[in-house]
Structures are given as structure tokens and as C-alpha cells.
Amino acid sequence: MALRRSFHIILNPTAGRRNPALLDRVVARLRACGADVTVDLTRAAGHATELARAAARHGEADVIVAAGGDGTINEVARGLIGQGVPLGIIPLGTANVLAVEIGLRPHAEEIVSMLLGGPAELIGTGLVDGEIFLMMAGIGFDGEIVHNIDPRLKRLWGKGAFIWSGLRTWAGGPGRDIRLVVDGREKRAAWAIVTNARHYAGPFVLAPQAEIVSPGLTLFLLHDGSRFGFVRFLVALAFGCVEKLRSVEAFPARHIDVTGPAGLAVEVDGDARGYLPQTIEQGTQFLRLVMPA
């Protein structure tokens, strides 16, 4: 295919401060290759969606690029659903799970090569109360971790802020009595994760059989709500063998009503996304994502 020539980059300046040199190198290399590059800065939560939708409707960009973490990528993707222009990414966040999922390292040369000539693949999506997600949704433990993070600590410590919030949540007793209706079947769990991809929280493989280019959600239910049960889950996650735990159920799911407990925190693609009750389901629309060759 011919090299792409026009790029509209939507930058989360908070994430960009974590690795400004990477963004600068990518923009400089694209321009050195003769590309036209526009950079828009987000001002608040949800602004990236507005910018992406407007850029897509303008119709001049070959690729609309999300520069930030997984939350910023999620916002840009929401603005591109139903549009023809593909999504590209420059990973500037804390975990960069989508970049890990597609095998993209935070190296300017690799990112530029991908944006200029990488294939635009159709990827599956999920929905939380009608809003798309690309990677995963977490109910309970990780939802509370994300909701309780101090934004100042996140800017200063990056992953350290997640670890600190996680330790505090775990010490307070991580298990919750989560009630779900999964494709018509009633379920209960101490922690629930719905994933659209293999990876979770960075390089850790949660769902070995999942493929982001294939539609379908996998639901993980942890039934052991003790502190030790959560430690065992996290150790298994580190070794990529969560599905082997007897305290875990893992199965495909299309429609999940998470009914309670009311007010329990939910996170989506690493960002806070409200509280229960919520409905999670397989998306009906696909998104084009520029991938490494």
C-alpha cells in the first residue's frame, strides 16, 4: 500500500509529559517523511472524543492518532466508531495495554513505520452502558483501585500510584459480593473482569485464547474473596495461568447485567467509568486500528 501522508494527532498533555521526547521524535520523523501532521491537545475528560469525531468528519486525515494512555485511546476510539478513518496510537500512558496487545514498542522508528504503512485491521469492541471499550472492564477490586488513585500521584509515580492504591484496597479487604446475570444465568463473584483481548494491566496475559482482531468477550469471575485468594489470583496472572485456578470461572459472554452491589466502582480501559449497576455487552460495530506490519 502507498504510504499515508496526513495525520491528525490527539494528545493528552498529561500523559505526554511522561514521555515528551517520544512524541517529538514521532512528529519530527513523520514530517521528515513528507507527512502533514496536526496536533490537537485535549482539555478535559471526554474532549478527545469530540476532537476525534470532528477530525473524522473533516475528512482530511489518513489516520487519526491517539497519543496518550489506554484511557485516551478509548476516548478517541469512541469518536471514530462508525467513521471510515482508522485509529493509530502513540503509547504515552502508564500501562499501554493496547500497545502491548498489538506488539508495538515505545520506539519512535517502530511507531512511525506503523503509522505510515502498517495495515488497518478491523478489531472487535465491547460496550459498557452503550459506550465502547477496546481492552477490558473491571468491576470491584480494580475499579476501586482506579477510582481511588490520586491524579497527582499518578502524574508523579505512574505505575507506582496504581500499586499504592492497590495495596490500600487489598488491605481493606478486596472481595465484594458482585451479582451478575450473564446471558440469562445468575452468577456471583468477589471480582469480575470482562476482557476483549489477551493482556491485562500491561504485559500480563489474562486470556490466552483471546484475539482483539476477533470479536468476542471473555468473563473472568474470582470466587475467593479473601486477601489470600486475591494474592493467588495476581500470582497466577503474573505467570499467565489464571484459568487454571479452581477459584476462577472463565467463559465467553455476550450480555452481562451487573446488578449489584449498587455503587460499586467500575473501570474501563484503565479509567474510572462510574458505578453499578451497569450493562456490559459485545459490541456490534468494529473499529479499524493501524497495526505493526
Protein backbone atom coordinates (compact mmCIF):
# COMPACT_ATOMS: atom_id res chain seq x y z
CA MET A 1 0.00 0.00 0.00
CA ALA A 2 1.06 3.60 -0.53
CA LEU A 3 2.42 5.43 2.48
CA ARG A 4 -0.06 7.56 4.37
CA ARG A 5 0.51 11.30 4.19
CA SER A 6 -1.84 13.07 6.63
CA PHE A 7 -2.05 12.51 10.39
CA HIS A 8 -4.24 14.18 12.98
CA ILE A 9 -2.76 13.54 16.44
CA ILE A 10 -4.93 13.98 19.54
CA LEU A 11 -2.64 14.40 22.54
CA ASN A 12 -3.45 14.06 26.20
CA PRO A 13 -0.90 16.59 27.54
CA THR A 14 -0.91 14.97 30.98
CA ALA A 15 0.22 11.64 29.52
CA GLY A 16 2.52 13.45 27.09
CA ARG A 17 4.54 14.89 29.96
CA ARG A 18 5.58 11.38 30.89
CA ASN A 19 7.48 10.84 27.63
CA PRO A 20 7.56 14.09 25.63
CA ALA A 21 10.67 13.08 23.69
CA LEU A 22 8.85 10.11 22.13
CA LEU A 23 6.04 12.27 20.77
CA ASP A 24 8.50 14.88 19.48
CA ARG A 25 10.56 12.23 17.70
CA VAL A 26 7.50 10.66 16.09
CA VAL A 27 6.18 14.01 14.83
CA ALA A 28 9.63 15.04 13.54
CA ARG A 29 10.13 11.74 11.68
CA LEU A 30 6.65 11.86 10.13
CA ARG A 31 7.28 15.39 8.87
CA ALA A 32 10.73 14.39 7.61
CA CYS A 33 8.97 11.73 5.51
CA GLY A 34 6.82 14.45 3.94
CA ALA A 35 3.70 13.84 6.04
CA ASP A 36 1.31 16.59 7.09
CA VAL A 37 0.86 16.42 10.88
CA THR A 38 -1.68 18.29 13.01
CA VAL A 39 -1.62 18.06 16.82
CA ASP A 40 -4.67 18.82 18.98
CA LEU A 41 -4.45 18.92 22.78
CA THR A 42 -7.26 17.64 24.99
CA ARG A 43 -8.54 19.93 27.73
CA ALA A 44 -10.74 17.68 29.86
CA ALA A 45 -12.23 14.19 30.14
CA GLY A 46 -14.28 13.39 27.04
CA HIS A 47 -12.66 16.10 24.91
CA ALA A 48 -10.66 13.56 22.90
CA THR A 49 -13.92 12.01 21.68
CA GLU A 50 -15.15 15.37 20.42
CA LEU A 51 -11.84 16.12 18.70
CA ALA A 52 -11.72 12.69 17.02
CA ARG A 53 -15.29 12.94 15.76
CA ALA A 54 -14.67 16.42 14.35
CA ALA A 55 -11.41 15.37 12.67
CA ALA A 56 -13.08 12.33 11.11
CA ARG A 57 -15.93 14.43 9.74
CA HIS A 58 -13.44 16.93 8.32
CA GLY A 59 -12.15 14.09 6.18
CA GLU A 60 -8.56 15.16 5.52
CA ALA A 61 -6.58 12.80 7.79
CA ASP A 62 -5.45 9.36 6.60
CA VAL A 63 -5.16 8.33 10.27
CA ILE A 64 -6.40 9.87 13.50
CA VAL A 65 -3.82 9.14 16.18
CA ALA A 66 -4.40 8.90 19.93
CA ALA A 67 -1.27 10.00 21.83
CA GLY A 68 -1.66 9.05 25.47
CA GLY A 69 -2.62 6.09 27.63
CA ASP A 70 -5.32 3.48 27.17
CA GLY A 71 -7.96 5.87 28.52
CA THR A 72 -7.11 8.48 25.89
CA ILE A 73 -7.11 5.81 23.18
CA ASN A 74 -10.55 4.71 24.38
CA GLU A 75 -11.88 8.28 24.11
CA VAL A 76 -10.51 8.75 20.58
CA ALA A 77 -11.92 5.36 19.54
CA ARG A 78 -15.38 6.41 20.75
CA GLY A 79 -15.21 9.32 18.33
CA LEU A 80 -14.24 7.07 15.40
CA ILE A 81 -16.90 4.36 15.69
CA GLY A 82 -18.98 4.47 12.53
CA GLN A 83 -16.35 6.54 10.70
CA GLY A 84 -14.13 5.29 7.91
CA VAL A 85 -10.81 6.73 9.10
CA PRO A 86 -8.59 4.32 11.07
CA LEU A 87 -7.17 4.82 14.57
CA GLY A 88 -3.44 4.95 15.22
CA ILE A 89 -1.72 5.10 18.60
CA ILE A 90 1.37 6.63 20.20
CA PRO A 91 1.64 4.93 23.62
CA LEU A 92 2.40 7.56 26.27
CA GLY A 93 0.47 6.14 29.22
CA THR A 94 1.23 4.14 32.34
CA ALA A 95 0.39 0.57 31.28
CA ASN A 96 -0.10 0.94 27.49
CA VAL A 97 -2.04 -2.34 27.35
CA LEU A 98 -3.24 -1.89 23.75
CA ALA A 99 0.32 -1.26 22.56
CA VAL A 100 1.44 -4.45 24.32
CA GLU A 101 -1.50 -6.31 22.79
CA ILE A 102 -0.55 -5.41 19.20
CA GLY A 103 3.21 -5.78 19.78
CA LEU A 104 4.09 -2.09 19.49
CA ARG A 105 7.11 -0.95 21.50
CA PRO A 106 7.51 2.72 22.53
CA HIS A 107 10.21 3.34 19.91
CA ALA A 108 9.79 6.23 17.50
CA GLU A 109 11.05 4.28 14.49
CA GLU A 110 8.54 1.46 15.01
CA ILE A 111 5.64 3.83 15.61
CA VAL A 112 6.40 5.91 12.50
CA SER A 113 6.78 2.79 10.35
CA MET A 114 3.42 1.53 11.60
CA LEU A 115 1.60 4.83 11.09
CA LEU A 116 2.99 5.31 7.58
CA GLY A 117 2.43 1.82 6.22
CA GLY A 118 1.01 -0.62 8.77
CA PRO A 119 -2.21 -2.47 7.92
CA ALA A 120 -5.52 -1.12 9.27
CA GLU A 121 -7.19 -4.18 10.81
CA LEU A 122 -10.78 -4.49 11.99
CA ILE A 123 -10.92 -5.12 15.74
CA GLY A 124 -13.81 -6.16 17.95
CA THR A 125 -15.19 -3.92 20.68
CA GLY A 126 -17.23 -4.18 23.86
CA LEU A 127 -19.85 -1.86 25.33
CA VAL A 128 -20.37 -0.58 28.85
CA ASP A 129 -23.77 1.09 29.09
CA GLY A 130 -23.57 1.75 25.36
CA GLU A 131 -20.04 3.25 25.36
CA ILE A 132 -17.30 1.23 23.67
CA PHE A 133 -14.21 -0.27 25.22
CA LEU A 134 -11.26 -1.80 23.42
CA MET A 135 -9.49 -3.85 26.10
CA MET A 136 -11.40 -4.61 29.27
CA ALA A 137 -13.81 -3.61 32.02
CA GLY A 138 -13.23 -4.36 35.71
CA ILE A 139 -15.84 -4.47 38.46
CA GLY A 140 -14.84 -4.33 42.11
CA PHE A 141 -11.17 -4.59 43.02
CA ASP A 142 -9.57 -2.89 40.02
CA GLY A 143 -12.48 -0.49 39.69
CA GLU A 144 -11.87 0.70 43.24
CA ILE A 145 -8.12 0.93 42.64
CA VAL A 146 -8.62 3.21 39.63
CA HIS A 147 -11.31 5.34 41.32
CA ASN A 148 -9.11 5.84 44.41
CA ILE A 149 -5.93 6.93 42.59
CA ASP A 150 -4.79 10.44 43.38
CA PRO A 151 -4.25 12.13 39.97
CA ARG A 152 -1.22 13.99 41.31
CA LEU A 153 0.43 10.73 42.39
CA LYS A 154 -0.37 9.18 39.01
CA ARG A 155 1.42 12.05 37.24
CA LEU A 156 4.42 11.75 39.58
CA TRP A 157 4.67 7.99 40.14
CA GLY A 158 2.99 6.41 37.12
CA LYS A 159 2.58 2.69 37.89
CA GLY A 160 3.59 3.34 41.49
CA ALA A 161 0.29 5.16 42.04
CA PHE A 162 -1.63 2.05 40.91
CA ILE A 163 0.45 -0.17 43.19
CA TRP A 164 -0.12 2.10 46.19
CA SER A 165 -3.86 2.29 45.56
CA GLY A 166 -3.95 -1.47 45.04
CA LEU A 167 -2.22 -2.18 48.33
CA ARG A 168 -4.64 0.08 50.19
CA THR A 169 -7.65 -1.57 48.53
CA TRP A 170 -6.30 -5.07 49.22
CA ALA A 171 -5.52 -4.25 52.87
CA GLY A 172 -9.10 -3.06 53.40
CA GLY A 173 -10.48 -6.40 52.18
CA PRO A 174 -10.66 -6.72 48.38
CA GLY A 175 -13.62 -9.09 47.94
CA ARG A 176 -17.12 -7.87 47.07
CA ASP A 177 -20.44 -9.69 46.65
CA ILE A 178 -20.92 -8.90 42.96
CA ARG A 179 -24.21 -10.03 41.41
CA LEU A 180 -24.44 -10.63 37.67
CA VAL A 181 -26.83 -12.01 35.07
CA VAL A 182 -24.71 -13.47 32.28
CA ASP A 183 -26.61 -14.40 29.11
CA GLY A 184 -29.60 -15.18 31.29
CA ARG A 185 -27.70 -17.05 34.03
CA GLU A 186 -27.34 -15.65 37.55
CA LYS A 187 -23.78 -15.50 38.87
CA ARG A 188 -21.96 -14.14 41.91
CA ALA A 189 -18.29 -13.27 42.33
CA ALA A 190 -15.80 -11.46 44.54
CA TRP A 191 -14.23 -9.76 41.49
CA ALA A 192 -15.25 -9.64 37.83
CA ILE A 193 -13.23 -8.77 34.72
CA VAL A 194 -14.56 -8.68 31.16
CA THR A 195 -11.86 -8.70 28.51
CA ASN A 196 -11.74 -8.23 24.75
CA ALA A 197 -8.03 -9.07 24.49
CA ARG A 198 -5.24 -11.26 25.84
CA HIS A 199 -3.43 -8.78 28.07
CA TYR A 200 -4.37 -7.10 31.32
CA ALA A 201 -2.60 -4.33 33.27
CA GLY A 202 0.34 -4.22 30.86
CA PRO A 203 2.32 -7.31 29.87
CA PHE A 204 0.27 -9.85 31.86
CA VAL A 205 -1.67 -12.47 29.87
CA LEU A 206 -5.15 -12.93 31.30
CA ALA A 207 -6.99 -14.58 28.37
CA PRO A 208 -4.51 -16.62 26.28
CA GLN A 209 -7.11 -17.59 23.67
CA ALA A 210 -8.47 -14.08 23.09
CA GLU A 211 -7.64 -12.04 19.98
CA ILE A 212 -8.52 -8.37 19.66
CA VAL A 213 -8.99 -8.85 15.90
CA SER A 214 -11.67 -11.48 16.61
CA PRO A 215 -14.99 -10.39 18.14
CA GLY A 216 -15.93 -11.86 21.49
CA LEU A 217 -15.73 -11.11 25.21
CA THR A 218 -14.39 -13.35 27.95
CA LEU A 219 -15.69 -13.03 31.51
CA PHE A 220 -13.48 -13.89 34.48
CA LEU A 221 -15.11 -14.42 37.88
CA LEU A 222 -12.98 -14.79 41.03
CA HIS A 223 -14.94 -16.52 43.76
CA ASP A 224 -12.39 -16.46 46.59
CA GLY A 225 -12.88 -13.05 48.22
CA SER A 226 -10.14 -13.43 50.82
CA ARG A 227 -6.93 -11.43 50.72
CA PHE A 228 -5.01 -14.65 50.07
CA GLY A 229 -7.40 -15.52 47.24
CA PHE A 230 -6.60 -12.23 45.55
CA VAL A 231 -2.85 -12.74 46.04
CA ARG A 232 -3.16 -16.18 44.46
CA PHE A 233 -5.05 -14.66 41.50
CA LEU A 234 -2.39 -11.97 40.99
CA VAL A 235 0.45 -14.50 41.17
CA ALA A 236 -1.35 -16.67 38.61
CA LEU A 237 -1.79 -13.57 36.44
CA ALA A 238 1.94 -12.91 36.58
CA PHE A 239 2.56 -16.44 35.29
CA GLY A 240 -0.25 -16.36 32.71
CA CYS A 241 -2.25 -19.22 34.25
CA VAL A 242 -5.33 -17.59 35.81
CA GLU A 243 -7.68 -20.01 34.03
CA LYS A 244 -6.11 -22.94 35.94
CA LEU A 245 -7.25 -21.63 39.34
CA ARG A 246 -10.17 -23.57 40.84
CA SER A 247 -11.43 -20.30 42.35
CA VAL A 248 -11.86 -18.76 38.89
CA GLU A 249 -14.54 -19.21 36.25
CA ALA A 250 -13.71 -18.06 32.73
CA PHE A 251 -16.11 -18.32 29.80
CA PRO A 252 -17.35 -16.40 26.73
CA ALA A 253 -20.16 -13.91 27.36
CA ARG A 254 -22.26 -11.67 25.13
CA HIS A 255 -24.55 -9.78 27.54
CA ILE A 256 -23.78 -9.14 31.21
CA ASP A 257 -26.04 -7.22 33.56
CA VAL A 258 -24.01 -6.37 36.65
CA THR A 259 -26.79 -5.57 39.08
CA GLY A 260 -25.04 -5.04 42.39
CA PRO A 261 -23.95 -4.08 44.85
CA ALA A 262 -25.17 -0.62 43.88
CA GLY A 263 -22.42 1.98 43.93
CA LEU A 264 -19.52 -0.44 43.36
CA ALA A 265 -16.78 1.12 41.21
CA VAL A 266 -16.17 0.16 37.56
CA GLU A 267 -13.12 0.87 35.43
CA VAL A 268 -12.87 0.66 31.65
CA ASP A 269 -9.56 0.56 29.77
CA GLY A 270 -7.77 1.84 32.87
CA ASP A 271 -10.04 4.83 33.55
CA ALA A 272 -12.87 5.24 36.06
CA ARG A 273 -16.26 4.63 34.43
CA GLY A 274 -18.92 5.14 37.08
CA TYR A 275 -20.62 2.72 39.44
CA LEU A 276 -23.00 -0.25 39.41
CA PRO A 277 -25.49 -1.17 38.14
CA GLN A 278 -24.15 -1.32 34.57
CA THR A 279 -24.59 -3.47 31.47
CA ILE A 280 -21.63 -4.89 29.55
CA GLU A 281 -22.08 -6.49 26.15
CA GLN A 282 -20.29 -7.43 22.97
CA GLY A 283 -20.05 -4.51 20.57
CA THR A 284 -21.86 -4.63 17.26
CA GLN A 285 -19.53 -2.18 15.49
CA PHE A 286 -15.93 -2.68 14.51
CA LEU A 287 -13.08 -0.21 14.56
CA ARG A 288 -10.15 -0.01 12.15
CA LEU A 289 -6.84 0.03 14.04
CA VAL A 290 -3.45 0.63 12.42
CA MET A 291 -1.20 -2.27 13.42
CA PRO A 292 2.53 -3.00 13.14
CA ALA A 293 3.32 -4.65 9.83
